[in-house]
Amino acid sequence: MLEKSYYDCADRIIDRYGARQEKLIPIIEDIQNEYRYLPPELLSYVADRIGVTEAKAFSVATFYENFSFDPKGKYVIKVCDGTACHVRKSPGILERLYSELGLSKNKSTTDDMLFTVETVSCLGACGLAPVLTVNDVVHPSMTPDQVSKLIRKLKEEA
């Protein structure tokens, strides 16, 4: 069971949009922005408040890749592995991230909840390849050494 503050936050977000079925996506987007993931209990609560079935709410949340039921770190790093990035050595960037942060394909978030590393098919910045984003801020022409510097900088800012 979640703390009451989660439900209070959901209520504020729902009140801002209005408790209407067609506002499901923006409501759950805002909840995910607040907590860096979408707590399943909160999705059920939202569904009830706005009058959609739990099945419908979960169907929407699982259809869109942007929604996650798993908690994410403060810094969500997305590494592009599209064709342009891949041929310009994005796998080496991903491997450096895994190495520096103690992560793998099976473990994407650090224990301290500071970093989450994900691969994506395309970030839409092929001319800047290889690219990664940190909380949606684009970092172009990355190299493994630049990744190490970026991680050090983010750790200092945390």
N, C-alpha and C. Protein backbone atom coordinates (compact mmCIF):
# COMPACT_ATOMS: atom_id res chain seq x y z
N MET A 1 0.85 -1.19 0.00
CA MET A 1 0.00 0.00 0.00
C MET A 1 0.88 1.24 0.00
N LEU A 2 0.51 2.18 -0.80
CA LEU A 2 1.27 3.43 -0.90
C LEU A 2 0.91 4.38 0.25
N GLU A 3 1.83 5.28 0.51
CA GLU A 3 1.56 6.32 1.51
C GLU A 3 0.45 7.23 1.03
N LYS A 4 -0.23 7.85 1.96
CA LYS A 4 -1.34 8.75 1.65
C LYS A 4 -0.91 9.88 0.73
N SER A 5 0.34 10.33 0.84
CA SER A 5 0.82 11.46 0.02
C SER A 5 0.73 11.15 -1.48
N TYR A 6 0.87 9.87 -1.85
CA TYR A 6 0.75 9.49 -3.26
C TYR A 6 -0.66 9.74 -3.76
N TYR A 7 -1.64 9.36 -2.95
CA TYR A 7 -3.03 9.54 -3.34
C TYR A 7 -3.41 11.02 -3.34
N ASP A 8 -2.86 11.78 -2.40
CA ASP A 8 -3.09 13.22 -2.37
C ASP A 8 -2.55 13.88 -3.63
N CYS A 9 -1.37 13.45 -4.05
CA CYS A 9 -0.78 13.99 -5.27
C CYS A 9 -1.64 13.63 -6.48
N ALA A 10 -2.08 12.39 -6.54
CA ALA A 10 -2.96 11.97 -7.65
C ALA A 10 -4.23 12.79 -7.66
N ASP A 11 -4.80 13.05 -6.49
CA ASP A 11 -6.01 13.86 -6.41
C ASP A 11 -5.76 15.26 -6.96
N ARG A 12 -4.63 15.85 -6.62
CA ARG A 12 -4.32 17.20 -7.13
C ARG A 12 -4.19 17.18 -8.66
N ILE A 13 -3.55 16.17 -9.19
CA ILE A 13 -3.39 16.06 -10.64
C ILE A 13 -4.75 15.84 -11.31
N ILE A 14 -5.54 14.96 -10.76
CA ILE A 14 -6.88 14.71 -11.32
C ILE A 14 -7.72 15.99 -11.26
N ASP A 15 -7.66 16.71 -10.16
CA ASP A 15 -8.42 17.95 -10.03
C ASP A 15 -7.99 18.98 -11.08
N ARG A 16 -6.70 18.99 -11.38
CA ARG A 16 -6.19 19.94 -12.37
C ARG A 16 -6.77 19.66 -13.76
N TYR A 17 -6.90 18.38 -14.10
CA TYR A 17 -7.41 18.00 -15.42
C TYR A 17 -8.92 17.80 -15.45
N GLY A 18 -9.48 17.52 -14.31
CA GLY A 18 -10.88 17.14 -14.25
C GLY A 18 -10.97 15.63 -14.28
N ALA A 19 -11.88 15.08 -13.51
CA ALA A 19 -12.03 13.63 -13.41
C ALA A 19 -12.80 13.10 -14.61
N ARG A 20 -12.14 13.17 -15.76
CA ARG A 20 -12.80 12.75 -17.00
C ARG A 20 -11.97 11.65 -17.66
N GLN A 21 -12.66 10.69 -18.24
CA GLN A 21 -12.01 9.53 -18.86
C GLN A 21 -10.98 9.93 -19.91
N GLU A 22 -11.29 10.93 -20.70
CA GLU A 22 -10.38 11.32 -21.78
C GLU A 22 -9.09 11.96 -21.27
N LYS A 23 -8.99 12.19 -19.99
CA LYS A 23 -7.79 12.79 -19.39
C LYS A 23 -6.85 11.74 -18.77
N LEU A 24 -7.15 10.46 -19.00
CA LEU A 24 -6.34 9.40 -18.42
C LEU A 24 -4.86 9.56 -18.75
N ILE A 25 -4.53 9.73 -20.02
CA ILE A 25 -3.11 9.79 -20.40
C ILE A 25 -2.40 10.97 -19.77
N PRO A 26 -2.90 12.21 -19.88
CA PRO A 26 -2.17 13.29 -19.22
C PRO A 26 -2.07 13.13 -17.71
N ILE A 27 -3.07 12.55 -17.09
CA ILE A 27 -3.03 12.34 -15.64
C ILE A 27 -1.91 11.36 -15.28
N ILE A 28 -1.86 10.24 -15.98
CA ILE A 28 -0.82 9.26 -15.62
C ILE A 28 0.57 9.72 -16.06
N GLU A 29 0.63 10.55 -17.10
CA GLU A 29 1.92 11.16 -17.47
C GLU A 29 2.44 12.02 -16.32
N ASP A 30 1.57 12.85 -15.77
CA ASP A 30 1.98 13.72 -14.67
C ASP A 30 2.36 12.92 -13.43
N ILE A 31 1.64 11.85 -13.17
CA ILE A 31 2.00 11.00 -12.02
C ILE A 31 3.38 10.39 -12.24
N GLN A 32 3.62 9.89 -13.45
CA GLN A 32 4.93 9.31 -13.73
C GLN A 32 6.03 10.37 -13.64
N ASN A 33 5.76 11.56 -14.11
CA ASN A 33 6.75 12.64 -13.99
C ASN A 33 7.07 12.94 -12.53
N GLU A 34 6.08 12.84 -11.69
CA GLU A 34 6.25 13.12 -10.27
C GLU A 34 7.10 12.06 -9.57
N TYR A 35 6.85 10.79 -9.89
CA TYR A 35 7.50 9.69 -9.16
C TYR A 35 8.54 8.92 -9.96
N ARG A 36 8.72 9.27 -11.24
CA ARG A 36 9.65 8.61 -12.15
C ARG A 36 9.23 7.17 -12.48
N TYR A 37 8.00 6.83 -12.11
CA TYR A 37 7.37 5.59 -12.52
C TYR A 37 5.89 5.70 -12.21
N LEU A 38 5.14 4.71 -12.65
CA LEU A 38 3.69 4.72 -12.45
C LEU A 38 3.34 3.59 -11.47
N PRO A 39 3.14 3.94 -10.20
CA PRO A 39 2.78 2.90 -9.23
C PRO A 39 1.46 2.24 -9.62
N PRO A 40 1.45 0.92 -9.76
CA PRO A 40 0.21 0.23 -10.18
C PRO A 40 -0.99 0.53 -9.29
N GLU A 41 -0.75 0.65 -7.97
CA GLU A 41 -1.85 0.95 -7.06
C GLU A 41 -2.47 2.31 -7.37
N LEU A 42 -1.62 3.25 -7.79
CA LEU A 42 -2.09 4.59 -8.11
C LEU A 42 -2.86 4.59 -9.42
N LEU A 43 -2.44 3.75 -10.36
CA LEU A 43 -3.17 3.64 -11.63
C LEU A 43 -4.57 3.11 -11.36
N SER A 44 -4.69 2.14 -10.49
CA SER A 44 -6.03 1.62 -10.13
C SER A 44 -6.87 2.71 -9.49
N TYR A 45 -6.26 3.49 -8.62
CA TYR A 45 -6.95 4.59 -7.95
C TYR A 45 -7.45 5.62 -8.97
N VAL A 46 -6.58 5.99 -9.89
CA VAL A 46 -6.94 6.97 -10.93
C VAL A 46 -8.09 6.43 -11.76
N ALA A 47 -8.00 5.18 -12.15
CA ALA A 47 -9.07 4.58 -12.96
C ALA A 47 -10.42 4.72 -12.26
N ASP A 48 -10.44 4.39 -10.99
CA ASP A 48 -11.67 4.49 -10.22
C ASP A 48 -12.17 5.93 -10.15
N ARG A 49 -11.24 6.85 -9.92
CA ARG A 49 -11.63 8.27 -9.77
C ARG A 49 -12.19 8.88 -11.05
N ILE A 50 -11.65 8.45 -12.21
CA ILE A 50 -12.10 9.08 -13.46
C ILE A 50 -13.12 8.23 -14.22
N GLY A 51 -13.48 7.08 -13.65
CA GLY A 51 -14.55 6.28 -14.24
C GLY A 51 -14.15 5.41 -15.40
N VAL A 52 -12.93 4.89 -15.41
CA VAL A 52 -12.56 3.90 -16.41
C VAL A 52 -12.26 2.60 -15.67
N THR A 53 -12.37 1.50 -16.37
CA THR A 53 -12.07 0.22 -15.73
C THR A 53 -10.56 0.11 -15.51
N GLU A 54 -10.20 -0.70 -14.52
CA GLU A 54 -8.78 -0.96 -14.29
C GLU A 54 -8.16 -1.56 -15.55
N ALA A 55 -8.89 -2.45 -16.19
CA ALA A 55 -8.38 -3.11 -17.40
C ALA A 55 -8.05 -2.07 -18.47
N LYS A 56 -8.93 -1.09 -18.65
CA LYS A 56 -8.69 -0.04 -19.64
C LYS A 56 -7.46 0.79 -19.26
N ALA A 57 -7.35 1.17 -18.00
CA ALA A 57 -6.21 1.98 -17.56
C ALA A 57 -4.90 1.22 -17.75
N PHE A 58 -4.88 -0.05 -17.36
CA PHE A 58 -3.66 -0.84 -17.51
C PHE A 58 -3.37 -1.11 -18.98
N SER A 59 -4.40 -1.26 -19.79
CA SER A 59 -4.21 -1.44 -21.23
C SER A 59 -3.52 -0.24 -21.85
N VAL A 60 -3.96 0.94 -21.47
CA VAL A 60 -3.33 2.17 -21.98
C VAL A 60 -1.89 2.28 -21.48
N ALA A 61 -1.69 2.05 -20.19
CA ALA A 61 -0.35 2.22 -19.60
C ALA A 61 0.65 1.21 -20.13
N THR A 62 0.19 0.03 -20.50
CA THR A 62 1.13 -0.97 -21.03
C THR A 62 1.30 -0.84 -22.54
N PHE A 63 0.39 -0.16 -23.21
CA PHE A 63 0.50 0.02 -24.66
C PHE A 63 1.63 1.00 -24.99
N TYR A 64 1.74 2.07 -24.23
CA TYR A 64 2.74 3.10 -24.51
C TYR A 64 4.05 2.79 -23.79
N GLU A 65 5.14 2.75 -24.55
CA GLU A 65 6.45 2.44 -23.98
C GLU A 65 6.90 3.45 -22.94
N ASN A 66 6.39 4.65 -23.01
CA ASN A 66 6.83 5.71 -22.10
C ASN A 66 6.47 5.43 -20.65
N PHE A 67 5.44 4.64 -20.42
CA PHE A 67 5.02 4.36 -19.05
C PHE A 67 5.78 3.17 -18.49
N SER A 68 6.14 3.28 -17.23
CA SER A 68 6.89 2.22 -16.57
C SER A 68 6.31 1.95 -15.19
N PHE A 69 6.13 0.68 -14.86
CA PHE A 69 5.67 0.29 -13.53
C PHE A 69 6.85 0.04 -12.59
N ASP A 70 8.06 0.17 -13.11
CA ASP A 70 9.26 -0.02 -12.30
C ASP A 70 9.86 1.33 -11.94
N PRO A 71 10.22 1.52 -10.68
CA PRO A 71 10.84 2.78 -10.27
C PRO A 71 12.13 3.04 -11.07
N LYS A 72 12.33 4.29 -11.41
CA LYS A 72 13.52 4.68 -12.17
C LYS A 72 14.38 5.62 -11.35
N GLY A 73 15.63 5.70 -11.75
CA GLY A 73 16.58 6.56 -11.06
C GLY A 73 16.32 8.03 -11.31
N LYS A 74 17.02 8.85 -10.56
CA LYS A 74 16.92 10.31 -10.71
C LYS A 74 17.32 10.71 -12.12
N TYR A 75 18.35 10.04 -12.65
CA TYR A 75 18.82 10.32 -14.00
C TYR A 75 18.49 9.12 -14.89
N VAL A 76 17.59 9.33 -15.85
CA VAL A 76 17.24 8.29 -16.79
C VAL A 76 18.06 8.54 -18.06
N ILE A 77 18.96 7.60 -18.33
CA ILE A 77 19.86 7.71 -19.47
C ILE A 77 19.34 6.76 -20.55
N LYS A 78 19.03 7.33 -21.70
CA LYS A 78 18.58 6.53 -22.84
C LYS A 78 19.67 6.54 -23.89
N VAL A 79 20.12 5.36 -24.25
CA VAL A 79 21.16 5.21 -25.25
C VAL A 79 20.52 4.76 -26.55
N CYS A 80 20.74 5.53 -27.59
CA CYS A 80 20.17 5.18 -28.90
C CYS A 80 20.95 4.02 -29.49
N ASP A 81 20.21 3.04 -30.00
CA ASP A 81 20.84 1.92 -30.70
C ASP A 81 20.23 1.76 -32.09
N GLY A 82 19.77 2.89 -32.63
CA GLY A 82 19.31 2.88 -34.01
C GLY A 82 20.48 2.69 -34.96
N THR A 83 20.21 2.53 -36.22
CA THR A 83 21.25 2.22 -37.19
C THR A 83 22.39 3.23 -37.17
N ALA A 84 22.09 4.51 -37.25
CA ALA A 84 23.16 5.53 -37.30
C ALA A 84 24.01 5.50 -36.04
N CYS A 85 23.38 5.38 -34.89
CA CYS A 85 24.13 5.34 -33.63
C CYS A 85 24.90 4.03 -33.49
N HIS A 86 24.26 2.93 -33.88
CA HIS A 86 24.91 1.63 -33.74
C HIS A 86 26.21 1.56 -34.56
N VAL A 87 26.15 2.01 -35.82
CA VAL A 87 27.35 1.94 -36.65
C VAL A 87 28.42 2.93 -36.19
N ARG A 88 28.01 3.92 -35.43
CA ARG A 88 28.98 4.88 -34.87
C ARG A 88 29.35 4.53 -33.43
N LYS A 89 29.16 3.26 -33.10
CA LYS A 89 29.68 2.66 -31.86
C LYS A 89 28.89 2.95 -30.58
N SER A 90 27.58 3.03 -30.68
CA SER A 90 26.78 3.17 -29.45
C SER A 90 26.89 1.95 -28.53
N PRO A 91 27.14 0.73 -29.04
CA PRO A 91 27.30 -0.39 -28.10
C PRO A 91 28.45 -0.17 -27.10
N GLY A 92 29.52 0.48 -27.52
CA GLY A 92 30.63 0.79 -26.61
C GLY A 92 30.22 1.78 -25.53
N ILE A 93 29.34 2.69 -25.89
CA ILE A 93 28.83 3.67 -24.92
C ILE A 93 27.98 2.96 -23.88
N LEU A 94 27.13 2.07 -24.33
CA LEU A 94 26.28 1.31 -23.43
C LEU A 94 27.14 0.45 -22.49
N GLU A 95 28.13 -0.20 -23.04
CA GLU A 95 29.00 -1.05 -22.22
C GLU A 95 29.74 -0.22 -21.16
N ARG A 96 30.17 0.98 -21.51
CA ARG A 96 30.84 1.84 -20.53
C ARG A 96 29.87 2.23 -19.42
N LEU A 97 28.64 2.56 -19.79
CA LEU A 97 27.64 2.88 -18.77
C LEU A 97 27.41 1.70 -17.83
N TYR A 98 27.23 0.53 -18.40
CA TYR A 98 27.04 -0.67 -17.58
C TYR A 98 28.22 -0.86 -16.63
N SER A 99 29.42 -0.72 -17.16
CA SER A 99 30.63 -0.92 -16.37
C SER A 99 30.74 0.11 -15.24
N GLU A 100 30.55 1.37 -15.57
CA GLU A 100 30.70 2.46 -14.59
C GLU A 100 29.64 2.39 -13.49
N LEU A 101 28.45 1.95 -13.86
CA LEU A 101 27.33 2.00 -12.93
C LEU A 101 26.98 0.64 -12.31
N GLY A 102 27.69 -0.40 -12.72
CA GLY A 102 27.40 -1.73 -12.19
C GLY A 102 26.05 -2.26 -12.64
N LEU A 103 25.69 -1.95 -13.87
CA LEU A 103 24.40 -2.37 -14.41
C LEU A 103 24.59 -3.38 -15.53
N SER A 104 23.48 -3.91 -16.03
CA SER A 104 23.52 -4.88 -17.12
C SER A 104 22.17 -4.85 -17.84
N LYS A 105 22.04 -5.70 -18.84
CA LYS A 105 20.74 -5.80 -19.53
C LYS A 105 19.63 -6.23 -18.57
N ASN A 106 20.00 -6.99 -17.55
CA ASN A 106 19.02 -7.49 -16.60
C ASN A 106 18.81 -6.60 -15.39
N LYS A 107 19.68 -5.64 -15.20
CA LYS A 107 19.56 -4.70 -14.07
C LYS A 107 19.78 -3.29 -14.62
N SER A 108 18.71 -2.52 -14.70
CA SER A 108 18.80 -1.22 -15.38
C SER A 108 18.88 -0.02 -14.44
N THR A 109 18.65 -0.22 -13.14
CA THR A 109 18.66 0.90 -12.20
C THR A 109 19.63 0.61 -11.07
N THR A 110 20.43 1.62 -10.72
CA THR A 110 21.39 1.46 -9.63
C THR A 110 20.66 1.33 -8.30
N ASP A 111 21.30 0.67 -7.35
CA ASP A 111 20.68 0.43 -6.04
C ASP A 111 20.35 1.72 -5.31
N ASP A 112 21.14 2.77 -5.55
CA ASP A 112 20.89 4.05 -4.89
C ASP A 112 19.82 4.89 -5.59
N MET A 113 19.21 4.32 -6.62
CA MET A 113 18.15 4.99 -7.39
C MET A 113 18.62 6.29 -8.04
N LEU A 114 19.91 6.37 -8.34
CA LEU A 114 20.44 7.56 -8.98
C LEU A 114 20.38 7.46 -10.51
N PHE A 115 20.64 6.27 -11.06
CA PHE A 115 20.70 6.11 -12.51
C PHE A 115 19.85 4.95 -12.98
N THR A 116 19.19 5.17 -14.12
CA THR A 116 18.53 4.11 -14.88
C THR A 116 19.07 4.22 -16.30
N VAL A 117 19.47 3.09 -16.86
CA VAL A 117 19.99 3.06 -18.23
C VAL A 117 19.05 2.21 -19.08
N GLU A 118 18.63 2.79 -20.20
CA GLU A 118 17.74 2.11 -21.13
C GLU A 118 18.30 2.24 -22.53
N THR A 119 18.01 1.28 -23.38
CA THR A 119 18.32 1.43 -24.80
C THR A 119 17.02 1.72 -25.52
N VAL A 120 17.12 2.53 -26.56
CA VAL A 120 15.95 2.86 -27.36
C VAL A 120 16.31 2.69 -28.83
N SER A 121 15.29 2.47 -29.64
CA SER A 121 15.52 2.23 -31.06
C SER A 121 15.94 3.47 -31.82
N CYS A 122 15.45 4.62 -31.39
CA CYS A 122 15.81 5.87 -32.07
C CYS A 122 15.47 7.05 -31.19
N LEU A 123 16.36 8.03 -31.17
CA LEU A 123 16.09 9.27 -30.45
C LEU A 123 15.84 10.43 -31.41
N GLY A 124 15.85 10.14 -32.71
CA GLY A 124 15.54 11.17 -33.71
C GLY A 124 16.64 12.20 -33.88
N ALA A 125 17.86 11.82 -33.59
CA ALA A 125 18.99 12.75 -33.73
C ALA A 125 20.12 12.06 -34.48
N CYS A 126 19.79 11.43 -35.59
CA CYS A 126 20.75 10.60 -36.33
C CYS A 126 21.98 11.38 -36.79
N GLY A 127 21.81 12.64 -37.11
CA GLY A 127 22.94 13.46 -37.55
C GLY A 127 23.93 13.74 -36.44
N LEU A 128 23.54 13.49 -35.20
CA LEU A 128 24.40 13.75 -34.03
C LEU A 128 24.95 12.46 -33.44
N ALA A 129 24.78 11.36 -34.14
CA ALA A 129 25.13 10.03 -33.64
C ALA A 129 26.62 9.91 -33.30
N PRO A 130 26.90 9.08 -32.29
CA PRO A 130 25.99 8.39 -31.39
C PRO A 130 25.47 9.33 -30.30
N VAL A 131 24.24 9.10 -29.93
CA VAL A 131 23.53 10.01 -29.03
C VAL A 131 23.00 9.26 -27.81
N LEU A 132 22.97 9.98 -26.69
CA LEU A 132 22.23 9.52 -25.53
C LEU A 132 21.53 10.72 -24.95
N THR A 133 20.50 10.45 -24.15
CA THR A 133 19.83 11.53 -23.44
C THR A 133 19.90 11.25 -21.95
N VAL A 134 19.93 12.32 -21.18
CA VAL A 134 19.81 12.24 -19.73
C VAL A 134 18.60 13.09 -19.38
N ASN A 135 17.55 12.43 -18.91
CA ASN A 135 16.29 13.11 -18.61
C ASN A 135 15.86 13.98 -19.79
N ASP A 136 15.95 13.41 -20.97
CA ASP A 136 15.51 14.00 -22.24
C ASP A 136 16.40 15.14 -22.74
N VAL A 137 17.55 15.37 -22.13
CA VAL A 137 18.52 16.34 -22.66
C VAL A 137 19.49 15.57 -23.53
N VAL A 138 19.62 16.00 -24.80
CA VAL A 138 20.44 15.28 -25.78
C VAL A 138 21.92 15.56 -25.56
N HIS A 139 22.69 14.48 -25.60
CA HIS A 139 24.16 14.56 -25.54
C HIS A 139 24.68 13.93 -26.83
N PRO A 140 25.14 14.78 -27.78
CA PRO A 140 25.53 14.29 -29.11
C PRO A 140 26.97 13.79 -29.17
N SER A 141 27.25 13.05 -30.22
CA SER A 141 28.61 12.60 -30.55
C SER A 141 29.34 12.03 -29.36
N MET A 142 28.70 11.14 -28.65
CA MET A 142 29.27 10.58 -27.42
C MET A 142 30.36 9.55 -27.72
N THR A 143 31.27 9.45 -26.78
CA THR A 143 32.30 8.42 -26.79
C THR A 143 32.29 7.78 -25.40
N PRO A 144 32.90 6.61 -25.25
CA PRO A 144 32.97 6.02 -23.91
C PRO A 144 33.64 6.95 -22.89
N ASP A 145 34.69 7.65 -23.29
CA ASP A 145 35.36 8.57 -22.36
C ASP A 145 34.46 9.73 -21.96
N GLN A 146 33.66 10.24 -22.91
CA GLN A 146 32.72 11.32 -22.59
C GLN A 146 31.64 10.82 -21.63
N VAL A 147 31.25 9.56 -21.78
CA VAL A 147 30.27 8.96 -20.88
C VAL A 147 30.81 8.95 -19.46
N SER A 148 32.07 8.58 -19.30
CA SER A 148 32.68 8.56 -17.96
C SER A 148 32.67 9.95 -17.34
N LYS A 149 33.00 10.96 -18.12
CA LYS A 149 32.98 12.34 -17.62
C LYS A 149 31.57 12.76 -17.24
N LEU A 150 30.61 12.41 -18.07
CA LEU A 150 29.22 12.75 -17.81
C LEU A 150 28.73 12.11 -16.51
N ILE A 151 29.05 10.85 -16.30
CA ILE A 151 28.64 10.16 -15.08
C ILE A 151 29.25 10.83 -13.85
N ARG A 152 30.54 11.18 -13.93
CA ARG A 152 31.18 11.87 -12.80
C ARG A 152 30.48 13.18 -12.50
N LYS A 153 30.15 13.94 -13.55
CA LYS A 153 29.48 15.23 -13.38
C LYS A 153 28.11 15.05 -12.72
N LEU A 154 27.34 14.06 -13.20
CA LEU A 154 26.01 13.83 -12.64
C LEU A 154 26.10 13.39 -11.19
N LYS A 155 27.08 12.60 -10.85
CA LYS A 155 27.25 12.17 -9.46
C LYS A 155 27.58 13.36 -8.56
N GLU A 156 28.37 14.31 -9.07
CA GLU A 156 28.71 15.50 -8.30
C GLU A 156 27.47 16.38 -8.09
N GLU A 157 26.60 16.43 -9.08
CA GLU A 157 25.39 17.27 -8.99
C GLU A 157 24.31 16.66 -8.10
N ALA A 158 24.37 15.34 -7.93
CA ALA A 158 23.29 14.64 -7.20
C ALA A 158 23.22 15.01 -5.75
